[in-house]
Structures are given as structure tokens and as C-alpha cells.
N, C-alpha and C. Protein backbone atom coordinates (compact mmCIF):
# COMPACT_ATOMS: atom_id res chain seq x y z
N UNK A 1 17.75 17.74 -13.43
CA UNK A 1 18.02 16.33 -13.14
C UNK A 1 19.11 16.21 -12.09
N UNK A 2 20.08 17.11 -12.14
CA UNK A 2 21.17 17.07 -11.18
C UNK A 2 20.64 17.28 -9.76
N UNK A 3 19.70 18.20 -9.62
CA UNK A 3 19.15 18.48 -8.29
C UNK A 3 18.32 17.30 -7.79
N UNK A 4 17.59 16.65 -8.69
CA UNK A 4 16.82 15.47 -8.31
C UNK A 4 17.75 14.34 -7.85
N UNK A 5 18.85 14.14 -8.58
CA UNK A 5 19.82 13.11 -8.18
C UNK A 5 20.41 13.41 -6.83
N UNK A 6 20.76 14.68 -6.61
CA UNK A 6 21.35 15.05 -5.32
C UNK A 6 20.34 14.88 -4.19
N UNK A 7 19.07 15.17 -4.45
CA UNK A 7 18.08 15.03 -3.39
C UNK A 7 17.83 13.55 -3.05
N UNK A 8 17.95 12.65 -4.02
CA UNK A 8 17.83 11.23 -3.73
C UNK A 8 18.95 10.78 -2.79
N UNK A 9 20.11 11.38 -2.91
CA UNK A 9 21.24 10.98 -2.07
C UNK A 9 21.18 11.60 -0.68
N UNK A 10 20.41 12.66 -0.51
CA UNK A 10 20.40 13.38 0.75
C UNK A 10 19.21 13.04 1.66
N UNK A 11 18.16 12.41 1.12
CA UNK A 11 17.02 12.11 2.00
C UNK A 11 17.37 10.95 2.92
N UNK A 12 16.67 10.88 4.01
CA UNK A 12 16.93 9.84 5.01
C UNK A 12 16.45 8.48 4.51
N UNK A 13 17.01 7.43 5.10
CA UNK A 13 16.70 6.08 4.64
C UNK A 13 15.23 5.72 4.81
N UNK A 14 14.60 6.16 5.88
CA UNK A 14 13.19 5.82 6.09
C UNK A 14 12.29 6.56 5.11
N UNK A 15 12.67 7.80 4.73
CA UNK A 15 11.91 8.54 3.74
C UNK A 15 12.02 7.87 2.37
N UNK A 16 13.23 7.44 2.03
CA UNK A 16 13.43 6.75 0.76
C UNK A 16 12.69 5.42 0.73
N UNK A 17 12.72 4.71 1.84
CA UNK A 17 12.00 3.43 1.91
C UNK A 17 10.51 3.64 1.64
N UNK A 18 9.92 4.63 2.28
CA UNK A 18 8.50 4.91 2.05
C UNK A 18 8.24 5.34 0.61
N UNK A 19 9.12 6.15 0.06
CA UNK A 19 8.97 6.61 -1.32
C UNK A 19 9.03 5.45 -2.31
N UNK A 20 9.86 4.46 -2.03
CA UNK A 20 10.02 3.34 -2.95
C UNK A 20 8.98 2.24 -2.75
N UNK A 21 8.44 2.11 -1.56
CA UNK A 21 7.55 0.99 -1.26
C UNK A 21 6.07 1.34 -1.38
N UNK A 22 5.69 2.56 -1.06
CA UNK A 22 4.27 2.94 -1.05
C UNK A 22 3.57 2.72 -2.39
N UNK A 23 4.17 3.05 -3.55
CA UNK A 23 3.44 2.81 -4.80
C UNK A 23 3.06 1.35 -5.05
N UNK A 24 3.77 0.43 -4.44
CA UNK A 24 3.46 -0.99 -4.64
C UNK A 24 2.18 -1.43 -3.93
N UNK A 25 1.65 -0.61 -3.06
CA UNK A 25 0.43 -0.97 -2.34
C UNK A 25 -0.84 -0.55 -3.08
N UNK A 26 -0.71 -0.12 -4.32
CA UNK A 26 -1.89 0.29 -5.08
C UNK A 26 -2.82 -0.88 -5.36
N UNK A 27 -2.31 -2.10 -5.33
CA UNK A 27 -3.15 -3.29 -5.53
C UNK A 27 -4.22 -3.42 -4.45
N UNK A 28 -3.97 -2.84 -3.30
CA UNK A 28 -4.95 -2.94 -2.22
C UNK A 28 -6.19 -2.10 -2.51
N UNK A 29 -6.04 -1.05 -3.32
CA UNK A 29 -7.12 -0.12 -3.54
C UNK A 29 -7.73 -0.17 -4.94
N UNK A 30 -6.97 -0.68 -5.90
CA UNK A 30 -7.43 -0.70 -7.29
C UNK A 30 -7.27 -2.11 -7.84
N UNK A 31 -8.04 -2.41 -8.87
CA UNK A 31 -7.93 -3.74 -9.47
C UNK A 31 -6.55 -3.88 -10.12
N UNK A 32 -6.12 -5.08 -10.25
CA UNK A 32 -4.76 -5.36 -10.72
C UNK A 32 -4.51 -4.92 -12.16
N UNK A 33 -5.54 -4.77 -12.96
CA UNK A 33 -5.35 -4.37 -14.35
C UNK A 33 -5.86 -2.97 -14.64
N UNK A 34 -6.00 -2.13 -13.64
CA UNK A 34 -6.48 -0.78 -13.87
C UNK A 34 -5.32 0.13 -14.28
N UNK A 35 -5.66 1.25 -14.87
CA UNK A 35 -4.65 2.22 -15.28
C UNK A 35 -3.88 2.75 -14.08
N UNK A 36 -4.59 3.00 -12.98
CA UNK A 36 -3.94 3.54 -11.78
C UNK A 36 -2.94 2.53 -11.22
N UNK A 37 -3.30 1.27 -11.24
CA UNK A 37 -2.38 0.24 -10.76
C UNK A 37 -1.14 0.15 -11.66
N UNK A 38 -1.35 0.20 -12.97
CA UNK A 38 -0.21 0.19 -13.89
C UNK A 38 0.66 1.42 -13.68
N UNK A 39 0.04 2.56 -13.51
CA UNK A 39 0.79 3.80 -13.29
C UNK A 39 1.60 3.71 -12.00
N UNK A 40 0.99 3.19 -10.93
CA UNK A 40 1.70 3.05 -9.65
C UNK A 40 2.87 2.07 -9.77
N UNK A 41 2.66 1.01 -10.54
CA UNK A 41 3.74 0.04 -10.75
C UNK A 41 4.92 0.68 -11.47
N UNK A 42 4.63 1.39 -12.54
CA UNK A 42 5.70 2.05 -13.30
C UNK A 42 6.36 3.14 -12.46
N UNK A 43 5.57 3.89 -11.70
CA UNK A 43 6.12 4.94 -10.86
C UNK A 43 7.05 4.35 -9.80
N UNK A 44 6.61 3.30 -9.12
CA UNK A 44 7.45 2.68 -8.10
C UNK A 44 8.74 2.12 -8.68
N UNK A 45 8.62 1.45 -9.81
CA UNK A 45 9.81 0.88 -10.44
C UNK A 45 10.74 1.98 -10.94
N UNK A 46 10.18 3.05 -11.48
CA UNK A 46 10.99 4.17 -11.97
C UNK A 46 11.72 4.86 -10.82
N UNK A 47 11.08 4.94 -9.67
CA UNK A 47 11.75 5.55 -8.52
C UNK A 47 12.92 4.70 -8.04
N UNK A 48 12.77 3.39 -8.09
CA UNK A 48 13.89 2.51 -7.71
C UNK A 48 15.05 2.71 -8.67
N UNK A 49 14.75 2.72 -9.97
CA UNK A 49 15.81 2.93 -10.97
C UNK A 49 16.41 4.32 -10.83
N UNK A 50 15.58 5.32 -10.52
CA UNK A 50 16.10 6.69 -10.33
C UNK A 50 17.04 6.75 -9.14
N UNK A 51 16.75 6.01 -8.09
CA UNK A 51 17.64 5.97 -6.93
C UNK A 51 18.98 5.34 -7.31
N UNK A 52 18.93 4.22 -8.02
CA UNK A 52 20.17 3.57 -8.46
C UNK A 52 20.93 4.48 -9.42
N UNK A 53 20.21 5.11 -10.35
CA UNK A 53 20.82 6.04 -11.30
C UNK A 53 21.49 7.20 -10.57
N UNK A 54 20.81 7.77 -9.60
CA UNK A 54 21.37 8.89 -8.84
C UNK A 54 22.64 8.48 -8.11
N UNK A 55 22.59 7.31 -7.50
CA UNK A 55 23.78 6.83 -6.78
C UNK A 55 24.94 6.63 -7.74
N UNK A 56 24.68 5.97 -8.86
CA UNK A 56 25.76 5.69 -9.81
C UNK A 56 26.36 6.94 -10.43
N UNK A 57 25.52 7.85 -10.89
CA UNK A 57 26.04 9.04 -11.58
C UNK A 57 26.68 10.04 -10.63
N UNK A 58 26.10 10.22 -9.46
CA UNK A 58 26.67 11.19 -8.52
C UNK A 58 27.96 10.68 -7.87
N UNK A 59 28.05 9.38 -7.66
CA UNK A 59 29.26 8.85 -7.02
C UNK A 59 30.46 8.83 -7.97
N UNK A 60 30.22 8.83 -9.27
CA UNK A 60 31.33 8.93 -10.21
C UNK A 60 32.06 10.26 -9.98
N UNK A 61 31.33 11.31 -9.64
CA UNK A 61 31.94 12.62 -9.38
C UNK A 61 32.77 12.61 -8.10
N UNK A 62 32.53 11.68 -7.22
CA UNK A 62 33.26 11.57 -5.95
C UNK A 62 34.61 10.88 -6.12
N UNK A 63 34.81 10.22 -7.26
CA UNK A 63 36.06 9.50 -7.49
C UNK A 63 37.20 10.47 -7.77
N UNK A 64 38.44 10.04 -7.52
CA UNK A 64 39.59 10.91 -7.81
C UNK A 64 39.74 11.18 -9.31
N UNK A 65 40.42 12.27 -9.65
CA UNK A 65 40.65 12.64 -11.06
C UNK A 65 41.34 11.53 -11.81
N UNK A 66 41.00 11.41 -13.08
CA UNK A 66 41.64 10.42 -13.95
C UNK A 66 41.19 9.00 -13.70
N UNK A 67 40.01 8.82 -13.18
CA UNK A 67 39.53 7.47 -12.87
C UNK A 67 39.17 6.68 -14.11
N UNK A 68 38.77 7.34 -15.18
CA UNK A 68 38.48 6.67 -16.44
C UNK A 68 37.15 5.93 -16.49
N UNK A 69 36.28 6.10 -15.51
CA UNK A 69 34.99 5.44 -15.50
C UNK A 69 34.03 6.22 -16.41
N UNK A 70 33.43 5.52 -17.33
CA UNK A 70 32.46 6.14 -18.22
C UNK A 70 31.07 5.69 -17.81
N UNK A 71 30.17 6.65 -17.67
CA UNK A 71 28.84 6.32 -17.18
C UNK A 71 27.77 6.30 -18.27
N UNK A 72 28.13 6.47 -19.53
CA UNK A 72 27.14 6.52 -20.61
C UNK A 72 26.39 5.19 -20.75
N UNK A 73 27.11 4.07 -20.72
CA UNK A 73 26.46 2.76 -20.84
C UNK A 73 25.49 2.53 -19.67
N UNK A 74 25.89 2.93 -18.49
CA UNK A 74 25.03 2.83 -17.31
C UNK A 74 23.77 3.68 -17.49
N UNK A 75 23.93 4.89 -17.98
CA UNK A 75 22.79 5.78 -18.18
C UNK A 75 21.83 5.22 -19.24
N UNK A 76 22.37 4.71 -20.32
CA UNK A 76 21.54 4.12 -21.38
C UNK A 76 20.77 2.91 -20.84
N UNK A 77 21.42 2.09 -20.05
CA UNK A 77 20.76 0.92 -19.48
C UNK A 77 19.64 1.32 -18.52
N UNK A 78 19.84 2.35 -17.73
CA UNK A 78 18.78 2.81 -16.83
C UNK A 78 17.58 3.33 -17.62
N UNK A 79 17.83 4.05 -18.69
CA UNK A 79 16.74 4.54 -19.54
C UNK A 79 16.00 3.37 -20.18
N UNK A 80 16.74 2.37 -20.64
CA UNK A 80 16.12 1.20 -21.25
C UNK A 80 15.21 0.47 -20.26
N UNK A 81 15.68 0.32 -19.03
CA UNK A 81 14.90 -0.38 -18.01
C UNK A 81 13.56 0.31 -17.78
N UNK A 82 13.59 1.62 -17.62
CA UNK A 82 12.35 2.35 -17.38
C UNK A 82 11.45 2.32 -18.62
N UNK A 83 12.02 2.50 -19.80
CA UNK A 83 11.22 2.47 -21.03
C UNK A 83 10.60 1.09 -21.25
N UNK A 84 11.37 0.04 -21.06
CA UNK A 84 10.86 -1.32 -21.26
C UNK A 84 9.76 -1.64 -20.26
N UNK A 85 9.98 -1.27 -19.02
CA UNK A 85 8.97 -1.54 -17.99
C UNK A 85 7.68 -0.77 -18.30
N UNK A 86 7.80 0.46 -18.74
CA UNK A 86 6.62 1.26 -19.08
C UNK A 86 5.86 0.65 -20.24
N UNK A 87 6.58 0.29 -21.29
CA UNK A 87 5.93 -0.30 -22.47
C UNK A 87 5.27 -1.62 -22.12
N UNK A 88 5.99 -2.45 -21.41
CA UNK A 88 5.43 -3.76 -21.09
C UNK A 88 4.25 -3.66 -20.12
N UNK A 89 4.30 -2.73 -19.20
CA UNK A 89 3.20 -2.60 -18.25
C UNK A 89 1.94 -2.07 -18.91
N UNK A 90 2.08 -1.03 -19.71
CA UNK A 90 0.89 -0.40 -20.29
C UNK A 90 0.37 -1.11 -21.54
N UNK A 91 1.25 -1.64 -22.37
CA UNK A 91 0.82 -2.22 -23.63
C UNK A 91 0.66 -3.73 -23.61
N UNK A 92 1.28 -4.38 -22.65
CA UNK A 92 1.18 -5.84 -22.58
C UNK A 92 0.60 -6.29 -21.25
N UNK A 93 -0.33 -5.51 -20.74
CA UNK A 93 -1.16 -5.85 -19.59
C UNK A 93 -0.38 -6.09 -18.31
N UNK A 94 0.67 -5.33 -18.12
CA UNK A 94 1.34 -5.31 -16.84
C UNK A 94 2.13 -6.53 -16.44
N UNK A 95 2.56 -7.33 -17.37
CA UNK A 95 3.33 -8.50 -16.98
C UNK A 95 4.38 -8.86 -18.00
N UNK A 96 5.28 -9.72 -17.58
CA UNK A 96 6.34 -10.18 -18.46
C UNK A 96 5.82 -11.40 -19.22
N UNK A 97 4.84 -11.17 -20.10
CA UNK A 97 4.19 -12.27 -20.81
C UNK A 97 4.23 -12.09 -22.31
N UNK A 98 5.13 -11.25 -22.80
CA UNK A 98 5.16 -11.00 -24.24
C UNK A 98 5.42 -12.28 -25.02
N UNK A 99 6.26 -13.15 -24.51
CA UNK A 99 6.61 -14.37 -25.23
C UNK A 99 5.43 -15.32 -25.29
N UNK A 100 4.70 -15.47 -24.19
CA UNK A 100 3.57 -16.41 -24.18
C UNK A 100 2.32 -15.83 -24.84
N UNK A 101 2.08 -14.53 -24.70
CA UNK A 101 0.88 -13.93 -25.28
C UNK A 101 1.02 -13.65 -26.77
N UNK A 102 2.21 -13.39 -27.21
CA UNK A 102 2.46 -13.08 -28.61
C UNK A 102 3.56 -13.99 -29.14
N UNK A 103 3.27 -15.28 -29.34
CA UNK A 103 4.34 -16.23 -29.69
C UNK A 103 4.98 -15.96 -31.05
N UNK A 104 4.30 -15.23 -31.94
CA UNK A 104 4.91 -14.94 -33.23
C UNK A 104 6.06 -13.95 -33.10
N UNK A 105 6.08 -13.21 -32.01
CA UNK A 105 7.10 -12.17 -31.83
C UNK A 105 8.14 -12.56 -30.77
N UNK A 106 8.30 -13.85 -30.53
CA UNK A 106 9.25 -14.29 -29.53
C UNK A 106 10.68 -13.86 -29.87
N UNK A 107 10.99 -13.78 -31.15
CA UNK A 107 12.34 -13.42 -31.58
C UNK A 107 12.65 -11.95 -31.29
N UNK A 108 11.64 -11.14 -31.01
CA UNK A 108 11.85 -9.75 -30.59
C UNK A 108 11.76 -9.66 -29.06
N UNK A 109 10.73 -10.28 -28.50
CA UNK A 109 10.47 -10.09 -27.08
C UNK A 109 11.46 -10.82 -26.18
N UNK A 110 11.89 -11.99 -26.56
CA UNK A 110 12.81 -12.74 -25.71
C UNK A 110 14.16 -12.03 -25.55
N UNK A 111 14.81 -11.59 -26.63
CA UNK A 111 16.05 -10.83 -26.43
C UNK A 111 15.83 -9.51 -25.67
N UNK A 112 14.68 -8.88 -25.90
CA UNK A 112 14.38 -7.62 -25.19
C UNK A 112 14.26 -7.87 -23.69
N UNK A 113 13.64 -8.98 -23.32
CA UNK A 113 13.51 -9.29 -21.90
C UNK A 113 14.84 -9.73 -21.29
N UNK A 114 15.65 -10.46 -22.04
CA UNK A 114 16.98 -10.81 -21.55
C UNK A 114 17.85 -9.57 -21.35
N UNK A 115 17.76 -8.64 -22.31
CA UNK A 115 18.54 -7.40 -22.17
C UNK A 115 18.01 -6.57 -21.00
N UNK A 116 16.71 -6.59 -20.76
CA UNK A 116 16.12 -5.91 -19.61
C UNK A 116 16.72 -6.48 -18.32
N UNK A 117 16.80 -7.79 -18.22
CA UNK A 117 17.39 -8.43 -17.04
C UNK A 117 18.86 -8.05 -16.89
N UNK A 118 19.60 -8.07 -18.00
CA UNK A 118 21.00 -7.66 -17.97
C UNK A 118 21.13 -6.22 -17.48
N UNK A 119 20.27 -5.34 -17.97
CA UNK A 119 20.33 -3.93 -17.58
C UNK A 119 20.08 -3.75 -16.09
N UNK A 120 19.15 -4.52 -15.54
CA UNK A 120 18.89 -4.45 -14.10
C UNK A 120 20.13 -4.84 -13.31
N UNK A 121 20.74 -5.96 -13.69
CA UNK A 121 21.93 -6.41 -12.98
C UNK A 121 23.10 -5.45 -13.18
N UNK A 122 23.27 -4.95 -14.40
CA UNK A 122 24.37 -4.03 -14.65
C UNK A 122 24.20 -2.73 -13.88
N UNK A 123 22.98 -2.24 -13.79
CA UNK A 123 22.74 -1.00 -13.05
C UNK A 123 23.08 -1.17 -11.58
N UNK A 124 22.66 -2.28 -10.99
CA UNK A 124 22.99 -2.55 -9.59
C UNK A 124 24.50 -2.73 -9.43
N UNK A 125 25.14 -3.41 -10.38
CA UNK A 125 26.60 -3.61 -10.35
C UNK A 125 27.33 -2.28 -10.41
N UNK A 126 26.96 -1.41 -11.35
CA UNK A 126 27.65 -0.14 -11.53
C UNK A 126 27.50 0.73 -10.29
N UNK A 127 26.28 0.84 -9.77
CA UNK A 127 26.06 1.66 -8.58
C UNK A 127 26.81 1.10 -7.38
N UNK A 128 26.82 -0.21 -7.22
CA UNK A 128 27.54 -0.83 -6.11
C UNK A 128 29.04 -0.60 -6.24
N UNK A 129 29.55 -0.74 -7.43
CA UNK A 129 30.99 -0.52 -7.65
C UNK A 129 31.37 0.93 -7.41
N UNK A 130 30.53 1.88 -7.84
CA UNK A 130 30.82 3.29 -7.62
C UNK A 130 30.73 3.64 -6.13
N UNK A 131 29.78 3.03 -5.42
CA UNK A 131 29.68 3.28 -3.97
C UNK A 131 30.92 2.76 -3.25
N UNK A 132 31.31 1.56 -3.56
CA UNK A 132 32.50 0.98 -2.94
C UNK A 132 33.75 1.76 -3.31
N UNK A 133 33.83 2.20 -4.57
CA UNK A 133 34.99 2.99 -5.00
C UNK A 133 35.02 4.35 -4.31
N UNK A 134 33.88 4.98 -4.13
CA UNK A 134 33.83 6.28 -3.46
C UNK A 134 34.20 6.15 -1.99
N UNK A 135 33.82 5.06 -1.37
CA UNK A 135 34.17 4.85 0.04
C UNK A 135 35.66 4.62 0.19
N UNK A 136 36.23 3.81 -0.71
CA UNK A 136 37.66 3.49 -0.62
C UNK A 136 38.56 4.59 -1.21
N UNK A 137 37.99 5.45 -2.07
CA UNK A 137 38.77 6.53 -2.66
C UNK A 137 39.57 6.12 -3.88
N UNK A 138 39.29 4.96 -4.42
CA UNK A 138 39.96 4.47 -5.63
C UNK A 138 39.02 3.50 -6.33
N UNK A 139 39.30 3.21 -7.58
CA UNK A 139 38.49 2.25 -8.33
C UNK A 139 38.74 0.86 -7.78
N UNK A 140 37.67 0.16 -7.47
CA UNK A 140 37.79 -1.19 -6.93
C UNK A 140 37.12 -2.17 -7.86
N UNK A 141 37.45 -3.43 -7.70
CA UNK A 141 36.82 -4.50 -8.48
C UNK A 141 35.48 -4.91 -7.87
N UNK A 142 34.82 -5.79 -8.58
CA UNK A 142 33.49 -6.21 -8.14
C UNK A 142 33.53 -6.97 -6.83
N UNK A 143 34.61 -7.68 -6.57
CA UNK A 143 34.68 -8.46 -5.33
C UNK A 143 34.61 -7.59 -4.08
N UNK A 144 34.99 -6.30 -4.19
CA UNK A 144 34.84 -5.38 -3.08
C UNK A 144 33.40 -4.86 -2.96
N UNK A 145 32.66 -4.92 -4.04
CA UNK A 145 31.34 -4.30 -4.08
C UNK A 145 30.19 -5.31 -4.08
N UNK A 146 30.46 -6.57 -3.91
CA UNK A 146 29.40 -7.57 -4.05
C UNK A 146 28.31 -7.42 -2.98
N UNK A 147 28.69 -7.02 -1.79
CA UNK A 147 27.69 -6.79 -0.73
C UNK A 147 26.75 -5.66 -1.09
N UNK A 148 27.30 -4.58 -1.63
CA UNK A 148 26.46 -3.45 -2.06
C UNK A 148 25.62 -3.83 -3.27
N UNK A 149 26.15 -4.70 -4.13
CA UNK A 149 25.37 -5.17 -5.27
C UNK A 149 24.09 -5.85 -4.81
N UNK A 150 24.20 -6.75 -3.84
CA UNK A 150 23.01 -7.44 -3.34
C UNK A 150 22.10 -6.47 -2.59
N UNK A 151 22.68 -5.47 -1.94
CA UNK A 151 21.85 -4.48 -1.25
C UNK A 151 21.06 -3.65 -2.26
N UNK A 152 21.67 -3.28 -3.40
CA UNK A 152 20.93 -2.57 -4.44
C UNK A 152 19.91 -3.49 -5.10
N UNK A 153 20.28 -4.73 -5.33
CA UNK A 153 19.38 -5.65 -6.02
C UNK A 153 18.15 -5.98 -5.16
N UNK A 154 18.32 -6.09 -3.87
CA UNK A 154 17.21 -6.36 -2.95
C UNK A 154 16.91 -5.08 -2.18
N UNK A 155 16.38 -4.11 -2.91
CA UNK A 155 16.30 -2.74 -2.44
C UNK A 155 15.53 -2.51 -1.14
N UNK A 156 14.47 -3.22 -0.80
CA UNK A 156 13.80 -2.86 0.45
C UNK A 156 14.72 -2.99 1.66
N UNK A 157 15.55 -4.00 1.66
CA UNK A 157 16.51 -4.16 2.74
C UNK A 157 17.74 -3.28 2.49
N UNK A 158 18.15 -3.20 1.24
CA UNK A 158 19.35 -2.45 0.89
C UNK A 158 19.26 -0.97 1.17
N UNK A 159 18.06 -0.42 1.14
CA UNK A 159 17.89 1.01 1.43
C UNK A 159 18.42 1.33 2.82
N UNK A 160 18.17 0.46 3.78
CA UNK A 160 18.58 0.70 5.15
C UNK A 160 20.10 0.59 5.32
N UNK A 161 20.77 -0.10 4.41
CA UNK A 161 22.23 -0.25 4.47
C UNK A 161 22.91 0.82 3.64
N UNK A 162 22.41 1.05 2.44
CA UNK A 162 23.11 1.92 1.49
C UNK A 162 22.84 3.40 1.72
N UNK A 163 21.60 3.77 2.01
CA UNK A 163 21.27 5.19 2.07
C UNK A 163 22.04 5.96 3.14
N UNK A 164 22.28 5.42 4.34
CA UNK A 164 23.13 6.17 5.28
C UNK A 164 24.55 6.42 4.74
N UNK A 165 25.09 5.47 4.01
CA UNK A 165 26.41 5.67 3.40
C UNK A 165 26.35 6.75 2.31
N UNK A 166 25.27 6.73 1.53
CA UNK A 166 25.09 7.77 0.50
C UNK A 166 24.90 9.14 1.14
N UNK A 167 24.22 9.20 2.28
CA UNK A 167 24.05 10.46 3.00
C UNK A 167 25.41 11.02 3.43
N UNK A 168 26.27 10.16 3.96
CA UNK A 168 27.60 10.61 4.39
C UNK A 168 28.44 11.07 3.20
N UNK A 169 28.39 10.30 2.13
CA UNK A 169 29.17 10.67 0.94
C UNK A 169 28.61 11.92 0.25
N UNK A 170 27.31 12.09 0.25
CA UNK A 170 26.73 13.24 -0.44
C UNK A 170 26.98 14.52 0.33
N UNK A 171 27.22 14.44 1.62
CA UNK A 171 27.53 15.67 2.37
C UNK A 171 28.88 16.21 1.94
N UNK A 172 29.74 15.36 1.38
CA UNK A 172 31.04 15.82 0.87
C UNK A 172 30.97 16.26 -0.59
N UNK A 173 29.86 15.95 -1.27
CA UNK A 173 29.71 16.38 -2.67
C UNK A 173 29.35 17.86 -2.73
N UNK A 174 29.70 18.53 -3.82
CA UNK A 174 29.31 19.94 -3.96
C UNK A 174 27.79 20.06 -4.04
N UNK A 175 27.24 21.10 -3.40
CA UNK A 175 25.80 21.33 -3.38
C UNK A 175 25.32 21.85 -4.73
N UNK A 176 24.16 21.38 -5.23
CA UNK A 176 23.64 21.91 -6.51
C UNK A 176 23.11 23.32 -6.33
N UNK A 177 23.16 24.08 -7.39
CA UNK A 177 22.68 25.47 -7.33
C UNK A 177 21.18 25.54 -7.42
């Protein structure tokens, strides 16, 4: 996993853009409710989360000693996002319709979907804050990282802004064995 995270930080921005965007074009070739389309959707979404996860976890190592940043909550949230997206895509016909399709289970699905949304925002927040902190060399507040937050949240555009910075920072990180 460490080598995969490091490789996400070292590839060029155009390669990452293609890697993140190409799976979304499966609708052009397969019907919207086919297994291949669902698989491509989950794969594309998982790659986006893996990129954010790689940035967040690897940049924590770039911070100075004694920073006190704990990444366990971030890691759990990234796992939840991928697991929730996979379950909802394959078992609930590929959409965020659990509340409307299964109204008896709204008390389970509604909080799960709200937590999914929170996890997405928190993951982008954590990665943006770690990127800004690694650039500045100290822990910074969110107001320093808000631009990177929006770049992570709107990933097709953000890849072109963030990935060159990650490339520069990852060249200073220790190489994986």
C-alpha cells in the first residue's frame, strides 16, 4: 500500500487526470445499469479517494517531528467512503436512492448518506490541510488550505493544480523499497 501511495504522488498530472477520468466514460459503451458500468463507477470513485488518501497519509510524514496529527480518523473515513459507494452502487442500483426506494429504512440510510457526505468533505479537508502544512513546514489552519480543499473537492480541475505540488513534495520524501 505504501508503494501505491507513493506512486500516486509521483505520476504526472496528465497521467493522473486520465486515470481518474477515463472510468467515467463507461456510460458511452455500456448501459447505465450494467455490471461493467457499476464496476467502472466504483473503480473511478475509488481511484479518486485513493489519490486523496495517498496525499493525506504521505504528507503527514513530510511534517516536522512532534506535529501531533493523527491520521486514523482520516483513514477510517476514506475506507467508509469507498465501502459505502461500493454497496450503494452494486446493491441499490447505482444511485443515492436508498431513502426513496426503501422508505422503511430511512432511519438507517439517511444518516449513512449524511456521514458519507461528511467523510467526503473531511477527506478533502484533511488532504488539503496536510498539503498546505507540508508546503509551509508547519501545521496550518483551514484558512490557509481552503484553496487546496476546493481543488481536491473539484478533482478534475484540482488535479492540474495539486499534482505538480505533490510531485515536488514527493521528490523530497524517502523512496519506498
